[in-house]
């Protein structure tokens, strides 16, 4: 996942605590009753991040090293699916930072008619929601989502959101914007090697108005991972490879671009 924004404000901390409360009281029972659930822990390391202070308001810092510990869970239940992750940046050093996102989607077909709405390559139609939290930054997204049936892909999801960003460190918030997100997973085999090409891409439209408008920006993080556990008869447990993080107009700041190759190891629980 992308490098995070440090939690520091009271409201940002409250949102993060709500996300943590959600895990034992809602997520765990939902996971136990779900049709499918998977959890993984990732460790990523990279250099040459384009970064700045807080929300990227300062000049970029080049050749900065960074380690990120990520915990992810994805589940599918009768009425939709849910994805959650938390990034812990520099977990073993001073100045640890966090970023968390919660992405529930609700199947309109299952709720209304008891079965998915399918047509052509569309497997189901969703009400898509998302909440993000960072240092003085909260983002609320709501809109429509599709699960697509693309040959050879384990999944291919498309979400289209309205996006409301709340920043504690500006005098006036920007107007409601928009975001388009895709996420995918493509497993394949070369000789005796089991690999997976997976990732996500977010295109965020410009945010106008307010005291701190933002440019449109593109964030993508494709991964190529090898199932190394397969070499000692433990397939589907340990994967290793790279994640290539691409960010154009990072944080919505014109001209702040990022291209980072991150070494990655992933433990699937």
Foldseek 3Di string as FASTA:
>chain_A
DDDAFAADDPVLVVVVVVVVVCCPPPVVVCQVQFPDKWKKKKKKKWFQFQADHGLRPDGTDGGHIKIKIKIKMKTHHQFFIKIKMKIWIPVPDPPIGMKIKIKTWGFPCCVPPNAADDDDQWRHKTFIWMWIGHHQKIKTWTDIKTWGNDPQWPTKIKTKTWMFMGGPPFPWGFDTWIKIKIWTKGWDDDDNKTKIKIWMKMWTDWTDDGDDTFHIKIWIKIWIWIQPVVVVPRGPFKIWGWIWIWMACRSRNHPRTDTMIMTMMMGMD
